[in-house]
Amino acid sequence: PAAAARAAEAMAETARATQADLRRVMSVVREGEASVEPHPQLRSTRELFSVMRDSGLDVVFEEHGKPIDLMQGVELAIYRILQEALANALTYGGVGTQARVSFTWSADGLQIKVEDDGARAAARREGVDPNDAKQRAYTLDDDLRALTDEVTGQGIREMRSRAELYGGILTASPVPGVGFSLAVVFPSLRSTMTAPHLPSPGSA
């Protein structure tokens, strides 16, 4: 009985400590949420594109279809995915890399693509003609790996998690001799995640 009592007290103390830790975590989360208000929206991507261009990334944006007005959480997830994808394009491709961003709206969802030519940009900086087959620094094995290997990394995992929160599917792969390609498909946003009208990122 004495041992059982000591064990019960130890468990109670552990539970109290855990509760205190959880309260501290929730406090940090609330403070973090408050500190980032207001959250970026899709229309904020215009400023994001401008910042990335000023940093040396050539961002080209195009949009197809009729935009769906989205809830704030969806817009924030899309913004963060774009932010990470463009930052990666600049980090790995370097100044002079072109990133083509496209939004394709369907009746119920959205497909986003971010495709960069970072490998070609790096070749140009090194004085190599990326269009010259004899100078290309990739092989058939590189093509095979691009088709079969799964891209990992903290940034990719975070982007995939953000997409999955809203039913999205993210795919990413290197394009040998060209750069990197990332696509996110949100197949069904209209049914539960629409909001009052907001300008699209391509509008003035």
Protein backbone atom coordinates (compact mmCIF):
# COMPACT_ATOMS: atom_id res chain seq x y z
CA PRO A 1 0.00 0.00 0.00
CA ALA A 2 2.79 2.43 0.82
CA ALA A 3 4.46 1.83 -2.55
CA ALA A 4 1.14 2.30 -4.34
CA ALA A 5 0.60 5.58 -2.51
CA ARG A 6 4.06 6.82 -3.51
CA ALA A 7 3.43 5.81 -7.13
CA ALA A 8 0.05 7.58 -7.14
CA GLU A 9 1.63 10.75 -5.77
CA ALA A 10 4.37 10.60 -8.40
CA MET A 11 1.77 10.23 -11.16
CA ALA A 12 -0.23 13.13 -9.76
CA GLU A 13 2.87 15.33 -9.69
CA THR A 14 3.69 14.37 -13.30
CA ALA A 15 0.13 15.22 -14.34
CA ARG A 16 0.33 18.63 -12.65
CA ALA A 17 3.64 19.37 -14.39
CA THR A 18 2.21 18.29 -17.73
CA GLN A 19 -0.81 20.55 -17.29
CA ALA A 20 1.49 23.47 -16.48
CA ASP A 21 3.54 22.76 -19.60
CA LEU A 22 0.39 22.63 -21.73
CA ARG A 23 -0.79 25.96 -20.33
CA ARG A 24 2.56 27.52 -21.24
CA VAL A 25 2.40 26.06 -24.74
CA MET A 26 -1.12 27.35 -25.32
CA SER A 27 -0.08 30.77 -24.04
CA VAL A 28 2.81 30.86 -26.53
CA VAL A 29 0.48 29.77 -29.34
CA ARG A 30 -2.04 32.51 -28.53
CA GLU A 31 0.72 35.12 -28.35
CA GLY A 32 2.10 33.91 -31.66
CA GLU A 33 -1.30 34.08 -33.33
CA ALA A 34 -1.85 37.60 -32.04
CA SER A 35 1.58 38.74 -33.21
CA VAL A 36 0.98 37.79 -36.84
CA GLU A 37 -2.37 39.55 -37.26
CA PRO A 38 -3.56 40.49 -39.77
CA HIS A 39 -2.86 37.29 -41.67
CA PRO A 40 -1.66 37.54 -45.29
CA GLN A 41 -4.36 36.97 -47.91
CA LEU A 42 -4.25 36.03 -51.57
CA ARG A 43 -4.17 39.69 -52.54
CA SER A 44 -1.01 39.94 -50.40
CA THR A 45 0.80 37.76 -52.94
CA ARG A 46 1.30 40.87 -55.09
CA GLU A 47 3.54 42.27 -52.36
CA LEU A 48 5.23 38.87 -51.99
CA PHE A 49 5.99 38.75 -55.70
CA SER A 50 7.37 42.29 -55.53
CA VAL A 51 9.66 41.43 -52.60
CA MET A 52 10.96 38.33 -54.38
CA ARG A 53 11.62 40.32 -57.57
CA ASP A 54 13.56 42.88 -55.58
CA SER A 55 15.64 40.00 -54.20
CA GLY A 56 16.58 38.82 -57.69
CA LEU A 57 13.88 36.26 -58.54
CA ASP A 58 12.06 36.80 -61.83
CA VAL A 59 8.45 36.00 -60.87
CA VAL A 60 5.91 35.52 -63.66
CA PHE A 61 2.28 35.13 -62.58
CA GLU A 62 -0.67 33.90 -64.64
CA GLU A 63 -4.22 33.02 -63.70
CA HIS A 64 -6.87 30.97 -65.48
CA GLY A 65 -10.53 30.49 -64.72
CA LYS A 66 -12.85 32.34 -62.37
CA PRO A 67 -11.48 32.75 -58.83
CA ILE A 68 -13.35 31.32 -55.86
CA ASP A 69 -13.56 33.51 -52.76
CA LEU A 70 -11.91 31.60 -49.91
CA MET A 71 -11.88 31.58 -46.14
CA GLN A 72 -8.96 33.24 -44.41
CA GLY A 73 -7.35 29.99 -43.29
CA VAL A 74 -7.22 28.65 -46.84
CA GLU A 75 -5.76 31.91 -48.13
CA LEU A 76 -3.09 31.89 -45.43
CA ALA A 77 -2.13 28.30 -46.26
CA ILE A 78 -1.81 29.14 -49.97
CA TYR A 79 0.21 32.26 -49.19
CA ARG A 80 2.66 30.34 -46.97
CA ILE A 81 3.08 27.63 -49.60
CA LEU A 82 3.87 30.26 -52.24
CA GLN A 83 6.23 32.05 -49.86
CA GLU A 84 8.19 28.86 -49.14
CA ALA A 85 8.26 27.74 -52.78
CA LEU A 86 9.55 31.09 -54.05
CA ALA A 87 12.12 31.35 -51.25
CA ASN A 88 13.38 27.88 -52.19
CA ALA A 89 13.59 28.85 -55.85
CA LEU A 90 15.76 31.84 -54.98
CA THR A 91 17.87 29.94 -52.44
CA TYR A 92 18.68 26.99 -54.67
CA GLY A 93 18.51 28.67 -58.07
CA GLY A 94 20.10 31.98 -57.17
CA VAL A 95 19.68 35.47 -58.60
CA GLY A 96 18.33 35.45 -62.13
CA THR A 97 16.15 32.38 -61.63
CA GLN A 98 12.71 32.64 -63.16
CA ALA A 99 9.73 31.28 -61.22
CA ARG A 100 6.45 30.84 -63.07
CA VAL A 101 3.45 30.86 -60.74
CA SER A 102 0.07 29.82 -62.09
CA PHE A 103 -3.39 29.64 -60.55
CA THR A 104 -5.93 27.51 -62.41
CA TRP A 105 -9.43 27.74 -60.98
CA SER A 106 -12.05 25.08 -61.60
CA ALA A 107 -15.72 25.16 -60.67
CA ASP A 108 -14.92 23.87 -57.17
CA GLY A 109 -11.20 24.08 -56.59
CA LEU A 110 -7.77 25.43 -57.43
CA GLN A 111 -4.50 24.14 -58.85
CA ILE A 112 -1.29 26.02 -58.07
CA LYS A 113 1.99 25.50 -59.87
CA VAL A 114 5.39 26.99 -59.11
CA GLU A 115 8.02 26.06 -61.69
CA ASP A 116 11.52 27.50 -61.69
CA ASP A 117 14.55 27.29 -63.96
CA GLY A 118 17.12 27.34 -61.18
CA ALA A 119 19.40 24.77 -62.81
CA ARG A 120 19.43 26.72 -66.08
CA ALA A 121 20.09 29.95 -64.21
CA ALA A 122 23.04 28.37 -62.40
CA ALA A 123 24.41 27.13 -65.72
CA ARG A 124 24.13 30.59 -67.25
CA ARG A 125 26.04 32.11 -64.32
CA GLU A 126 28.80 29.57 -64.92
CA GLY A 127 29.01 30.48 -68.60
CA VAL A 128 27.37 27.24 -69.76
CA ASP A 129 24.75 27.27 -72.48
CA PRO A 130 21.81 25.34 -70.95
CA ASN A 131 20.45 24.70 -74.45
CA ASP A 132 23.63 22.92 -75.57
CA ALA A 133 23.10 19.17 -75.10
CA LYS A 134 26.86 18.57 -74.95
CA GLN A 135 27.22 20.90 -71.97
CA ARG A 136 24.29 19.63 -69.93
CA ALA A 137 25.38 18.34 -66.56
CA TYR A 138 22.67 15.73 -66.02
CA THR A 139 22.16 12.12 -67.06
CA LEU A 140 19.37 9.63 -67.70
CA ASP A 141 19.78 8.51 -64.09
CA ASP A 142 18.89 12.04 -63.00
CA ASP A 143 15.72 11.82 -65.09
CA LEU A 144 14.84 8.49 -63.51
CA ARG A 145 15.39 9.75 -59.97
CA ALA A 146 13.25 12.81 -60.68
CA LEU A 147 10.40 10.49 -61.67
CA THR A 148 10.72 7.96 -58.85
CA ASP A 149 12.33 9.57 -55.80
CA GLU A 150 10.21 11.40 -53.25
CA VAL A 151 11.40 14.90 -52.43
CA THR A 152 11.82 15.34 -48.67
CA GLY A 153 12.90 18.15 -46.41
CA GLN A 154 11.39 20.34 -43.71
CA GLY A 155 10.07 22.94 -46.15
CA ILE A 156 8.34 20.35 -48.34
CA ARG A 157 6.82 18.64 -45.30
CA GLU A 158 5.45 21.93 -44.00
CA MET A 159 3.97 22.87 -47.37
CA ARG A 160 2.40 19.42 -47.72
CA SER A 161 0.90 19.65 -44.23
CA ARG A 162 -0.60 23.06 -45.00
CA ALA A 163 -2.13 21.72 -48.20
CA GLU A 164 -3.55 18.62 -46.52
CA LEU A 165 -5.32 20.74 -43.90
CA TYR A 166 -7.71 21.82 -46.65
CA GLY A 167 -7.88 18.64 -48.69
CA GLY A 168 -4.97 19.57 -50.93
CA ILE A 169 -2.44 17.27 -52.57
CA LEU A 170 1.12 18.55 -53.03
CA THR A 171 3.65 17.06 -55.44
CA ALA A 172 7.20 18.25 -55.96
CA SER A 173 10.11 17.07 -58.07
CA PRO A 174 13.34 18.35 -59.62
CA VAL A 175 13.36 18.83 -63.38
CA PRO A 176 16.87 17.80 -64.48
CA GLY A 177 18.63 20.47 -66.46
CA VAL A 178 15.84 22.97 -65.77
CA GLY A 179 15.02 23.48 -62.11
CA PHE A 180 12.20 22.47 -59.80
CA SER A 181 8.46 21.96 -60.11
CA LEU A 182 5.86 22.12 -57.37
CA ALA A 183 2.10 21.65 -57.75
CA VAL A 184 -0.75 21.79 -55.26
CA VAL A 185 -4.29 20.71 -56.12
CA PHE A 186 -7.24 21.69 -53.93
CA PRO A 187 -10.10 19.78 -55.59
CA SER A 188 -13.06 20.92 -53.48
CA LEU A 189 -12.79 24.34 -51.90
CA ARG A 190 -16.15 25.81 -52.87
CA SER A 191 -18.40 23.56 -50.79
CA THR A 192 -17.20 24.53 -47.31
CA MET A 193 -14.53 27.19 -47.58
CA THR A 194 -15.92 30.16 -49.45
CA ALA A 195 -16.03 33.70 -48.09
CA PRO A 196 -17.04 37.25 -49.14
CA HIS A 197 -15.40 38.46 -52.34
CA LEU A 198 -11.75 39.52 -52.26
CA PRO A 199 -9.60 40.66 -55.21
CA SER A 200 -7.49 37.96 -56.87
CA PRO A 201 -3.67 38.22 -56.62
CA GLY A 202 -3.46 39.23 -60.24
CA SER A 203 -5.82 42.18 -59.92
CA ALA A 204 -4.63 45.77 -59.61
